[in-house]
Amino acid sequence: MKKYIPFVVILSFLLLAGCNTHKGDIKGEYDIKGTVIEVNKDGRGILVEDENLGLIWLTLPEGSDIKTFEKGQTVAVWTDGKVRESYPLQGTALNIEILKQAD
């Protein structure tokens, strides 16, 4: 029985570490990179033009301040992977990073 205790402790640690979904831990390649075309302050979203996807409305992540976004900025966006196929496309952002301010 005692020989299983270290195994159980390590397994528990790995399971708990895998359940962490803090948005600050989002790593890897972004899903969308483009220019902010429009900011919808009422709808809490931004319209981004991506070179590959075209236009996509993105709902901002919880806790994001819509006032930080403005037309003309270049942004990198990590999404939840779900895209509603309409025109323009629609998606939900997990994290948005401003790469370049508007000119």
PDB file of N, CA and C in Angstrom:
ATOM      1  N   MET A   1       0.824  -1.198   0.000  1.00  0.00           N
ATOM      2  CA  MET A   1       0.000   0.000   0.000  1.00  0.00           C
ATOM      3  C   MET A   1       0.865   1.257   0.000  1.00  0.00           C
ATOM      4  N   LYS A   2       1.919   1.281   0.801  1.00  0.00           N
ATOM      5  CA  LYS A   2       2.775   2.466   0.902  1.00  0.00           C
ATOM      6  C   LYS A   2       3.508   2.745  -0.406  1.00  0.00           C
ATOM      7  N   LYS A   3       3.758   1.712  -1.196  1.00  0.00           N
ATOM      8  CA  LYS A   3       4.481   1.931  -2.443  1.00  0.00           C
ATOM      9  C   LYS A   3       3.641   2.678  -3.479  1.00  0.00           C
ATOM     10  N   TYR A   4       2.324   2.750  -3.304  1.00  0.00           N
ATOM     11  CA  TYR A   4       1.440   3.448  -4.236  1.00  0.00           C
ATOM     12  C   TYR A   4       1.257   4.931  -3.907  1.00  0.00           C
ATOM     13  N   ILE A   5       1.626   5.343  -2.722  1.00  0.00           N
ATOM     14  CA  ILE A   5       1.414   6.733  -2.298  1.00  0.00           C
ATOM     15  C   ILE A   5       2.134   7.728  -3.214  1.00  0.00           C
ATOM     16  N   PRO A   6       3.420   7.562  -3.536  1.00  0.00           N
ATOM     17  CA  PRO A   6       4.069   8.521  -4.446  1.00  0.00           C
ATOM     18  C   PRO A   6       3.395   8.566  -5.824  1.00  0.00           C
ATOM     19  N   PHE A   7       2.977   7.413  -6.306  1.00  0.00           N
ATOM     20  CA  PHE A   7       2.295   7.354  -7.598  1.00  0.00           C
ATOM     21  C   PHE A   7       0.994   8.142  -7.564  1.00  0.00           C
ATOM     22  N   VAL A   8       0.214   8.001  -6.505  1.00  0.00           N
ATOM     23  CA  VAL A   8      -1.064   8.701  -6.365  1.00  0.00           C
ATOM     24  C   VAL A   8      -0.839  10.204  -6.254  1.00  0.00           C
ATOM     25  N   VAL A   9       0.192  10.615  -5.513  1.00  0.00           N
ATOM     26  CA  VAL A   9       0.491  12.044  -5.352  1.00  0.00           C
ATOM     27  C   VAL A   9       0.886  12.654  -6.699  1.00  0.00           C
ATOM     28  N   ILE A  10       1.740  11.990  -7.440  1.00  0.00           N
ATOM     29  CA  ILE A  10       2.173  12.505  -8.741  1.00  0.00           C
ATOM     30  C   ILE A  10       1.006  12.548  -9.718  1.00  0.00           C
ATOM     31  N   LEU A  11       0.203  11.502  -9.749  1.00  0.00           N
ATOM     32  CA  LEU A  11      -0.958  11.463 -10.632  1.00  0.00           C
ATOM     33  C   LEU A  11      -1.940  12.587 -10.298  1.00  0.00           C
ATOM     34  N   SER A  12      -2.163  12.830  -9.010  1.00  0.00           N
ATOM     35  CA  SER A  12      -3.062  13.915  -8.591  1.00  0.00           C
ATOM     36  C   SER A  12      -2.531  15.270  -9.051  1.00  0.00           C
ATOM     37  N   PHE A  13      -1.238  15.471  -8.911  1.00  0.00           N
ATOM     38  CA  PHE A  13      -0.621  16.733  -9.338  1.00  0.00           C
ATOM     39  C   PHE A  13      -0.806  16.941 -10.839  1.00  0.00           C
ATOM     40  N   LEU A  14      -0.566  15.901 -11.620  1.00  0.00           N
ATOM     41  CA  LEU A  14      -0.713  16.022 -13.073  1.00  0.00           C
ATOM     42  C   LEU A  14      -2.155  16.300 -13.485  1.00  0.00           C
ATOM     43  N   LEU A  15      -3.101  15.659 -12.834  1.00  0.00           N
ATOM     44  CA  LEU A  15      -4.505  15.902 -13.150  1.00  0.00           C
ATOM     45  C   LEU A  15      -4.920  17.325 -12.811  1.00  0.00           C
ATOM     46  N   LEU A  16      -4.475  17.824 -11.673  1.00  0.00           N
ATOM     47  CA  LEU A  16      -4.822  19.196 -11.287  1.00  0.00           C
ATOM     48  C   LEU A  16      -4.160  20.214 -12.212  1.00  0.00           C
ATOM     49  N   ALA A  17      -2.930  19.957 -12.601  1.00  0.00           N
ATOM     50  CA  ALA A  17      -2.235  20.877 -13.506  1.00  0.00           C
ATOM     51  C   ALA A  17      -2.914  20.907 -14.864  1.00  0.00           C
ATOM     52  N   GLY A  18      -3.459  19.805 -15.318  1.00  0.00           N
ATOM     53  CA  GLY A  18      -4.137  19.742 -16.602  1.00  0.00           C
ATOM     54  C   GLY A  18      -5.477  20.441 -16.607  1.00  0.00           C
ATOM     55  N   CYS A  19      -6.048  20.691 -15.448  1.00  0.00           N
ATOM     56  CA  CYS A  19      -7.357  21.337 -15.358  1.00  0.00           C
ATOM     57  C   CYS A  19      -7.271  22.846 -15.267  1.00  0.00           C
ATOM     58  N   ASN A  20      -6.088  23.396 -15.236  1.00  0.00           N
ATOM     59  CA  ASN A  20      -5.911  24.835 -15.112  1.00  0.00           C
ATOM     60  C   ASN A  20      -6.274  25.509 -16.429  1.00  0.00           C
ATOM     61  N   THR A  21      -7.239  26.437 -16.397  1.00  0.00           N
ATOM     62  CA  THR A  21      -7.667  27.127 -17.623  1.00  0.00           C
ATOM     63  C   THR A  21      -7.513  28.636 -17.512  1.00  0.00           C
ATOM     64  N   HIS A  22      -6.631  29.113 -16.673  1.00  0.00           N
ATOM     65  CA  HIS A  22      -6.413  30.547 -16.513  1.00  0.00           C
ATOM     66  C   HIS A  22      -5.999  31.134 -17.858  1.00  0.00           C
ATOM     67  N   LYS A  23      -6.650  32.242 -18.262  1.00  0.00           N
ATOM     68  CA  LYS A  23      -6.398  32.794 -19.589  1.00  0.00           C
ATOM     69  C   LYS A  23      -4.968  33.278 -19.761  1.00  0.00           C
ATOM     70  N   GLY A  24      -4.276  33.566 -18.672  1.00  0.00           N
ATOM     71  CA  GLY A  24      -2.890  33.983 -18.762  1.00  0.00           C
ATOM     72  C   GLY A  24      -1.964  32.865 -19.194  1.00  0.00           C
ATOM     73  N   ASP A  25      -2.444  31.642 -19.162  1.00  0.00           N
ATOM     74  CA  ASP A  25      -1.632  30.493 -19.523  1.00  0.00           C
ATOM     75  C   ASP A  25      -1.775  30.106 -20.987  1.00  0.00           C
ATOM     76  N   ILE A  26      -2.482  30.898 -21.779  1.00  0.00           N
ATOM     77  CA  ILE A  26      -2.676  30.570 -23.183  1.00  0.00           C
ATOM     78  C   ILE A  26      -1.344  30.756 -23.895  1.00  0.00           C
ATOM     79  N   LYS A  27      -0.873  29.690 -24.478  1.00  0.00           N
ATOM     80  CA  LYS A  27       0.415  29.711 -25.167  1.00  0.00           C
ATOM     81  C   LYS A  27       0.229  29.167 -26.570  1.00  0.00           C
ATOM     82  N   GLY A  28       1.255  29.309 -27.351  1.00  0.00           N
ATOM     83  CA  GLY A  28       1.224  28.728 -28.682  1.00  0.00           C
ATOM     84  C   GLY A  28       0.812  29.733 -29.740  1.00  0.00           C
ATOM     85  N   GLU A  29       0.636  29.218 -30.909  1.00  0.00           N
ATOM     86  CA  GLU A  29       0.308  30.031 -32.075  1.00  0.00           C
ATOM     87  C   GLU A  29      -1.095  30.623 -31.959  1.00  0.00           C
ATOM     88  N   TYR A  30      -1.224  31.876 -32.309  1.00  0.00           N
ATOM     89  CA  TYR A  30      -2.538  32.530 -32.312  1.00  0.00           C
ATOM     90  C   TYR A  30      -3.385  31.949 -33.439  1.00  0.00           C
ATOM     91  N   ASP A  31      -4.695  32.145 -33.323  1.00  0.00           N
ATOM     92  CA  ASP A  31      -5.626  31.640 -34.331  1.00  0.00           C
ATOM     93  C   ASP A  31      -5.909  32.672 -35.422  1.00  0.00           C
ATOM     94  N   ILE A  32      -5.904  33.935 -35.028  1.00  0.00           N
ATOM     95  CA  ILE A  32      -6.258  35.013 -35.952  1.00  0.00           C
ATOM     96  C   ILE A  32      -5.276  36.162 -35.754  1.00  0.00           C
ATOM     97  N   LYS A  33      -4.826  36.738 -36.854  1.00  0.00           N
ATOM     98  CA  LYS A  33      -4.015  37.954 -36.797  1.00  0.00           C
ATOM     99  C   LYS A  33      -4.587  38.878 -37.845  1.00  0.00           C
ATOM    100  N   GLY A  34      -4.962  40.073 -37.415  1.00  0.00           N
ATOM    101  CA  GLY A  34      -5.544  40.994 -38.378  1.00  0.00           C
ATOM    102  C   GLY A  34      -5.681  42.392 -37.844  1.00  0.00           C
ATOM    103  N   THR A  35      -6.396  43.182 -38.604  1.00  0.00           N
ATOM    104  CA  THR A  35      -6.602  44.589 -38.288  1.00  0.00           C
ATOM    105  C   THR A  35      -8.011  44.798 -37.762  1.00  0.00           C
ATOM    106  N   VAL A  36      -8.116  45.587 -36.705  1.00  0.00           N
ATOM    107  CA  VAL A  36      -9.428  45.925 -36.155  1.00  0.00           C
ATOM    108  C   VAL A  36     -10.098  46.888 -37.121  1.00  0.00           C
ATOM    109  N   ILE A  37     -11.271  46.493 -37.610  1.00  0.00           N
ATOM    110  CA  ILE A  37     -12.028  47.292 -38.574  1.00  0.00           C
ATOM    111  C   ILE A  37     -13.089  48.124 -37.861  1.00  0.00           C
ATOM    112  N   GLU A  38     -13.672  47.549 -36.801  1.00  0.00           N
ATOM    113  CA  GLU A  38     -14.747  48.230 -36.073  1.00  0.00           C
ATOM    114  C   GLU A  38     -14.754  47.750 -34.627  1.00  0.00           C
ATOM    115  N   VAL A  39     -15.131  48.654 -33.723  1.00  0.00           N
ATOM    116  CA  VAL A  39     -15.279  48.323 -32.307  1.00  0.00           C
ATOM    117  C   VAL A  39     -16.739  48.547 -31.936  1.00  0.00           C
ATOM    118  N   ASN A  40     -17.394  47.495 -31.444  1.00  0.00           N
ATOM    119  CA  ASN A  40     -18.795  47.572 -31.039  1.00  0.00           C
ATOM    120  C   ASN A  40     -18.844  47.613 -29.518  1.00  0.00           C
ATOM    121  N   LYS A  41     -18.901  48.832 -28.967  1.00  0.00           N
ATOM    122  CA  LYS A  41     -18.862  49.000 -27.516  1.00  0.00           C
ATOM    123  C   LYS A  41     -20.096  48.405 -26.838  1.00  0.00           C
ATOM    124  N   ASP A  42     -21.255  48.460 -27.486  1.00  0.00           N
ATOM    125  CA  ASP A  42     -22.477  47.908 -26.899  1.00  0.00           C
ATOM    126  C   ASP A  42     -22.470  46.386 -26.904  1.00  0.00           C
ATOM    127  N   GLY A  43     -21.959  45.794 -27.970  1.00  0.00           N
ATOM    128  CA  GLY A  43     -21.973  44.346 -28.111  1.00  0.00           C
ATOM    129  C   GLY A  43     -20.745  43.661 -27.555  1.00  0.00           C
ATOM    130  N   ARG A  44     -19.815  44.435 -27.001  1.00  0.00           N
ATOM    131  CA  ARG A  44     -18.579  43.903 -26.450  1.00  0.00           C
ATOM    132  C   ARG A  44     -17.820  43.032 -27.443  1.00  0.00           C
ATOM    133  N   GLY A  45     -17.656  43.568 -28.638  1.00  0.00           N
ATOM    134  CA  GLY A  45     -16.939  42.810 -29.652  1.00  0.00           C
ATOM    135  C   GLY A  45     -16.171  43.705 -30.595  1.00  0.00           C
ATOM    136  N   ILE A  46     -15.268  43.081 -31.340  1.00  0.00           N
ATOM    137  CA  ILE A  46     -14.507  43.801 -32.349  1.00  0.00           C
ATOM    138  C   ILE A  46     -14.598  43.038 -33.669  1.00  0.00           C
ATOM    139  N   LEU A  47     -14.583  43.777 -34.754  1.00  0.00           N
ATOM    140  CA  LEU A  47     -14.567  43.196 -36.089  1.00  0.00           C
ATOM    141  C   LEU A  47     -13.124  43.244 -36.574  1.00  0.00           C
ATOM    142  N   VAL A  48     -12.586  42.067 -36.892  1.00  0.00           N
ATOM    143  CA  VAL A  48     -11.191  41.954 -37.314  1.00  0.00           C
ATOM    144  C   VAL A  48     -11.146  41.407 -38.732  1.00  0.00           C
ATOM    145  N   GLU A  49     -10.250  41.976 -39.542  1.00  0.00           N
ATOM    146  CA  GLU A  49     -10.037  41.448 -40.891  1.00  0.00           C
ATOM    147  C   GLU A  49      -8.745  40.655 -40.897  1.00  0.00           C
ATOM    148  N   ASP A  50      -8.897  39.342 -41.068  1.00  0.00           N
ATOM    149  CA  ASP A  50      -7.772  38.415 -41.125  1.00  0.00           C
ATOM    150  C   ASP A  50      -7.480  38.106 -42.587  1.00  0.00           C
ATOM    151  N   GLU A  51      -6.198  37.985 -42.935  1.00  0.00           N
ATOM    152  CA  GLU A  51      -5.805  37.740 -44.320  1.00  0.00           C
ATOM    153  C   GLU A  51      -6.384  36.427 -44.859  1.00  0.00           C
ATOM    154  N   ASN A  52      -6.464  35.400 -44.007  1.00  0.00           N
ATOM    155  CA  ASN A  52      -6.941  34.088 -44.458  1.00  0.00           C
ATOM    156  C   ASN A  52      -8.445  33.906 -44.280  1.00  0.00           C
ATOM    157  N   LEU A  53      -8.985  34.359 -43.159  1.00  0.00           N
ATOM    158  CA  LEU A  53     -10.397  34.142 -42.849  1.00  0.00           C
ATOM    159  C   LEU A  53     -11.320  35.223 -43.382  1.00  0.00           C
ATOM    160  N   GLY A  54     -10.795  36.388 -43.613  1.00  0.00           N
ATOM    161  CA  GLY A  54     -11.639  37.525 -43.987  1.00  0.00           C
ATOM    162  C   GLY A  54     -12.124  38.230 -42.730  1.00  0.00           C
ATOM    163  N   LEU A  55     -13.366  38.693 -42.743  1.00  0.00           N
ATOM    164  CA  LEU A  55     -13.925  39.421 -41.606  1.00  0.00           C
ATOM    165  C   LEU A  55     -14.465  38.461 -40.561  1.00  0.00           C
ATOM    166  N   ILE A  56     -14.220  38.778 -39.275  1.00  0.00           N
ATOM    167  CA  ILE A  56     -14.746  37.964 -38.185  1.00  0.00           C
ATOM    168  C   ILE A  56     -15.050  38.856 -36.987  1.00  0.00           C
ATOM    169  N   TRP A  57     -16.295  38.735 -36.469  1.00  0.00           N
ATOM    170  CA  TRP A  57     -16.682  39.422 -35.241  1.00  0.00           C
ATOM    171  C   TRP A  57     -16.211  38.570 -34.079  1.00  0.00           C
ATOM    172  N   LEU A  58     -15.510  39.168 -33.145  1.00  0.00           N
ATOM    173  CA  LEU A  58     -14.996  38.439 -31.988  1.00  0.00           C
ATOM    174  C   LEU A  58     -15.574  39.014 -30.705  1.00  0.00           C
ATOM    175  N   THR A  59     -16.183  38.147 -29.916  1.00  0.00           N
ATOM    176  CA  THR A  59     -16.648  38.532 -28.589  1.00  0.00           C
ATOM    177  C   THR A  59     -15.430  38.571 -27.683  1.00  0.00           C
ATOM    178  N   LEU A  60     -15.303  39.634 -26.902  1.00  0.00           N
ATOM    179  CA  LEU A  60     -14.135  39.786 -26.032  1.00  0.00           C
ATOM    180  C   LEU A  60     -14.184  38.825 -24.853  1.00  0.00           C
ATOM    181  N   PRO A  61     -13.005  38.450 -24.346  1.00  0.00           N
ATOM    182  CA  PRO A  61     -12.966  37.601 -23.159  1.00  0.00           C
ATOM    183  C   PRO A  61     -13.471  38.350 -21.933  1.00  0.00           C
ATOM    184  N   GLU A  62     -13.944  37.611 -20.938  1.00  0.00           N
ATOM    185  CA  GLU A  62     -14.390  38.211 -19.673  1.00  0.00           C
ATOM    186  C   GLU A  62     -13.259  39.043 -19.087  1.00  0.00           C
ATOM    187  N   GLY A  63     -13.592  40.193 -18.568  1.00  0.00           N
ATOM    188  CA  GLY A  63     -12.603  41.050 -17.920  1.00  0.00           C
ATOM    189  C   GLY A  63     -11.847  41.963 -18.869  1.00  0.00           C
ATOM    190  N   SER A  64     -12.072  41.839 -20.172  1.00  0.00           N
ATOM    191  CA  SER A  64     -11.399  42.718 -21.135  1.00  0.00           C
ATOM    192  C   SER A  64     -12.103  44.060 -21.183  1.00  0.00           C
ATOM    193  N   ASP A  65     -11.321  45.101 -21.369  1.00  0.00           N
ATOM    194  CA  ASP A  65     -11.873  46.449 -21.465  1.00  0.00           C
ATOM    195  C   ASP A  65     -11.984  46.828 -22.937  1.00  0.00           C
ATOM    196  N   ILE A  66     -13.190  47.015 -23.408  1.00  0.00           N
ATOM    197  CA  ILE A  66     -13.436  47.342 -24.814  1.00  0.00           C
ATOM    198  C   ILE A  66     -12.740  48.646 -25.215  1.00  0.00           C
ATOM    199  N   LYS A  67     -12.496  49.521 -24.233  1.00  0.00           N
ATOM    200  CA  LYS A  67     -11.884  50.821 -24.507  1.00  0.00           C
ATOM    201  C   LYS A  67     -10.423  50.701 -24.948  1.00  0.00           C
ATOM    202  N   THR A  68      -9.794  49.538 -24.745  1.00  0.00           N
ATOM    203  CA  THR A  68      -8.393  49.372 -25.147  1.00  0.00           C
ATOM    204  C   THR A  68      -8.253  49.104 -26.641  1.00  0.00           C
ATOM    205  N   PHE A  69      -9.374  48.827 -27.306  1.00  0.00           N
ATOM    206  CA  PHE A  69      -9.327  48.506 -28.732  1.00  0.00           C
ATOM    207  C   PHE A  69      -9.825  49.678 -29.557  1.00  0.00           C
ATOM    208  N   GLU A  70      -9.152  49.902 -30.674  1.00  0.00           N
ATOM    209  CA  GLU A  70      -9.564  50.971 -31.575  1.00  0.00           C
ATOM    210  C   GLU A  70      -9.291  50.566 -33.020  1.00  0.00           C
ATOM    211  N   LYS A  71     -10.018  51.193 -33.893  1.00  0.00           N
ATOM    212  CA  LYS A  71      -9.905  50.920 -35.325  1.00  0.00           C
ATOM    213  C   LYS A  71      -8.469  51.131 -35.793  1.00  0.00           C
ATOM    214  N   GLY A  72      -7.966  50.184 -36.590  1.00  0.00           N
ATOM    215  CA  GLY A  72      -6.624  50.307 -37.155  1.00  0.00           C
ATOM    216  C   GLY A  72      -5.547  49.531 -36.419  1.00  0.00           C
ATOM    217  N   GLN A  73      -5.833  49.034 -35.223  1.00  0.00           N
ATOM    218  CA  GLN A  73      -4.848  48.251 -34.480  1.00  0.00           C
ATOM    219  C   GLN A  73      -4.648  46.890 -35.133  1.00  0.00           C
ATOM    220  N   THR A  74      -3.444  46.361 -35.012  1.00  0.00           N
ATOM    221  CA  THR A  74      -3.175  44.990 -35.423  1.00  0.00           C
ATOM    222  C   THR A  74      -3.203  44.138 -34.164  1.00  0.00           C
ATOM    223  N   VAL A  75      -3.976  43.037 -34.205  1.00  0.00           N
ATOM    224  CA  VAL A  75      -4.146  42.189 -33.035  1.00  0.00           C
ATOM    225  C   VAL A  75      -3.879  40.725 -33.383  1.00  0.00           C
ATOM    226  N   ALA A  76      -3.440  39.986 -32.362  1.00  0.00           N
ATOM    227  CA  ALA A  76      -3.346  38.529 -32.432  1.00  0.00           C
ATOM    228  C   ALA A  76      -4.411  38.002 -31.488  1.00  0.00           C
ATOM    229  N   VAL A  77      -5.145  36.978 -31.936  1.00  0.00           N
ATOM    230  CA  VAL A  77      -6.293  36.487 -31.171  1.00  0.00           C
ATOM    231  C   VAL A  77      -6.213  34.971 -31.024  1.00  0.00           C
ATOM    232  N   TRP A  78      -6.402  34.512 -29.799  1.00  0.00           N
ATOM    233  CA  TRP A  78      -6.549  33.096 -29.510  1.00  0.00           C
ATOM    234  C   TRP A  78      -8.033  32.867 -29.261  1.00  0.00           C
ATOM    235  N   THR A  79      -8.624  31.891 -29.953  1.00  0.00           N
ATOM    236  CA  THR A  79     -10.063  31.661 -29.848  1.00  0.00           C
ATOM    237  C   THR A  79     -10.354  30.322 -29.178  1.00  0.00           C
ATOM    238  N   ASP A  80     -11.641  30.103 -28.915  1.00  0.00           N
ATOM    239  CA  ASP A  80     -12.052  28.816 -28.347  1.00  0.00           C
ATOM    240  C   ASP A  80     -12.180  27.740 -29.429  1.00  0.00           C
ATOM    241  N   GLY A  81     -11.886  28.094 -30.679  1.00  0.00           N
ATOM    242  CA  GLY A  81     -11.895  27.127 -31.767  1.00  0.00           C
ATOM    243  C   GLY A  81     -13.225  27.002 -32.490  1.00  0.00           C
ATOM    244  N   LYS A  82     -14.261  27.614 -31.949  1.00  0.00           N
ATOM    245  CA  LYS A  82     -15.576  27.533 -32.566  1.00  0.00           C
ATOM    246  C   LYS A  82     -15.825  28.795 -33.383  1.00  0.00           C
ATOM    247  N   VAL A  83     -16.202  28.608 -34.636  1.00  0.00           N
ATOM    248  CA  VAL A  83     -16.508  29.731 -35.512  1.00  0.00           C
ATOM    249  C   VAL A  83     -17.906  29.526 -36.080  1.00  0.00           C
ATOM    250  N   ARG A  84     -18.748  30.518 -35.853  1.00  0.00           N
ATOM    251  CA  ARG A  84     -20.093  30.472 -36.417  1.00  0.00           C
ATOM    252  C   ARG A  84     -20.012  30.997 -37.852  1.00  0.00           C
ATOM    253  N   GLU A  85     -20.436  30.153 -38.769  1.00  0.00           N
ATOM    254  CA  GLU A  85     -20.313  30.493 -40.185  1.00  0.00           C
ATOM    255  C   GLU A  85     -21.475  31.369 -40.627  1.00  0.00           C
ATOM    256  N   SER A  86     -21.219  32.621 -40.639  1.00  0.00           N
ATOM    257  CA  SER A  86     -22.153  33.630 -41.127  1.00  0.00           C
ATOM    258  C   SER A  86     -21.286  34.624 -41.881  1.00  0.00           C
ATOM    259  N   TYR A  87     -21.858  35.707 -42.314  1.00  0.00           N
ATOM    260  CA  TYR A  87     -21.015  36.748 -42.883  1.00  0.00           C
ATOM    261  C   TYR A  87     -21.294  38.057 -42.177  1.00  0.00           C
ATOM    262  N   PRO A  88     -20.307  38.600 -41.517  1.00  0.00           N
ATOM    263  CA  PRO A  88     -18.986  38.021 -41.301  1.00  0.00           C
ATOM    264  C   PRO A  88     -19.035  36.854 -40.312  1.00  0.00           C
ATOM    265  N   LEU A  89     -17.937  36.098 -40.275  1.00  0.00           N
ATOM    266  CA  LEU A  89     -17.824  35.000 -39.319  1.00  0.00           C
ATOM    267  C   LEU A  89     -17.956  35.545 -37.903  1.00  0.00           C
ATOM    268  N   GLN A  90     -18.232  34.677 -36.938  1.00  0.00           N
ATOM    269  CA  GLN A  90     -18.336  35.084 -35.539  1.00  0.00           C
ATOM    270  C   GLN A  90     -17.587  34.079 -34.684  1.00  0.00           C
ATOM    271  N   GLY A  91     -16.909  34.579 -33.657  1.00  0.00           N
ATOM    272  CA  GLY A  91     -16.175  33.706 -32.761  1.00  0.00           C
ATOM    273  C   GLY A  91     -16.010  34.339 -31.394  1.00  0.00           C
ATOM    274  N   THR A  92     -15.475  33.561 -30.475  1.00  0.00           N
ATOM    275  CA  THR A  92     -15.236  34.021 -29.112  1.00  0.00           C
ATOM    276  C   THR A  92     -13.739  34.000 -28.837  1.00  0.00           C
ATOM    277  N   ALA A  93     -13.209  35.129 -28.415  1.00  0.00           N
ATOM    278  CA  ALA A  93     -11.783  35.238 -28.127  1.00  0.00           C
ATOM    279  C   ALA A  93     -11.503  34.783 -26.695  1.00  0.00           C
ATOM    280  N   LEU A  94     -10.426  34.038 -26.524  1.00  0.00           N
ATOM    281  CA  LEU A  94      -9.949  33.681 -25.190  1.00  0.00           C
ATOM    282  C   LEU A  94      -8.915  34.697 -24.710  1.00  0.00           C
ATOM    283  N   ASN A  95      -8.159  35.223 -25.661  1.00  0.00           N
ATOM    284  CA  ASN A  95      -7.127  36.206 -25.344  1.00  0.00           C
ATOM    285  C   ASN A  95      -6.871  37.043 -26.590  1.00  0.00           C
ATOM    286  N   ILE A  96      -6.676  38.335 -26.402  1.00  0.00           N
ATOM    287  CA  ILE A  96      -6.359  39.234 -27.509  1.00  0.00           C
ATOM    288  C   ILE A  96      -5.133  40.047 -27.110  1.00  0.00           C
ATOM    289  N   GLU A  97      -4.160  40.073 -27.994  1.00  0.00           N
ATOM    290  CA  GLU A  97      -2.940  40.838 -27.752  1.00  0.00           C
ATOM    291  C   GLU A  97      -2.803  41.890 -28.844  1.00  0.00           C
ATOM    292  N   ILE A  98      -2.601  43.130 -28.449  1.00  0.00           N
ATOM    293  CA  ILE A  98      -2.406  44.215 -29.419  1.00  0.00           C
ATOM    294  C   ILE A  98      -0.952  44.178 -29.868  1.00  0.00           C
ATOM    295  N   LEU A  99      -0.747  43.968 -31.168  1.00  0.00           N
ATOM    296  CA  LEU A  99       0.605  43.887 -31.722  1.00  0.00           C
ATOM    297  C   LEU A  99       1.106  45.237 -32.197  1.00  0.00           C
ATOM    298  N   LYS A 100       0.186  46.069 -32.714  1.00  0.00           N
ATOM    299  CA  LYS A 100       0.572  47.376 -33.231  1.00  0.00           C
ATOM    300  C   LYS A 100      -0.580  48.337 -33.032  1.00  0.00           C
ATOM    301  N   GLN A 101      -0.269  49.501 -32.530  1.00  0.00           N
ATOM    302  CA  GLN A 101      -1.296  50.533 -32.343  1.00  0.00           C
ATOM    303  C   GLN A 101      -1.701  51.119 -33.691  1.00  0.00           C
ATOM    304  N   ALA A 102      -2.864  51.733 -33.715  1.00  0.00           N
ATOM    305  CA  ALA A 102      -3.366  52.363 -34.932  1.00  0.00           C
ATOM    306  C   ALA A 102      -2.451  53.528 -35.324  1.00  0.00           C
ATOM    307  N   ASP A 103      -2.322  53.743 -36.614  1.00  0.00           N
ATOM    308  CA  ASP A 103      -1.488  54.855 -37.112  1.00  0.00           C
ATOM    309  C   ASP A 103      -2.153  56.176 -36.925  1.00  0.00           C
TER     310      ASP A 103
END
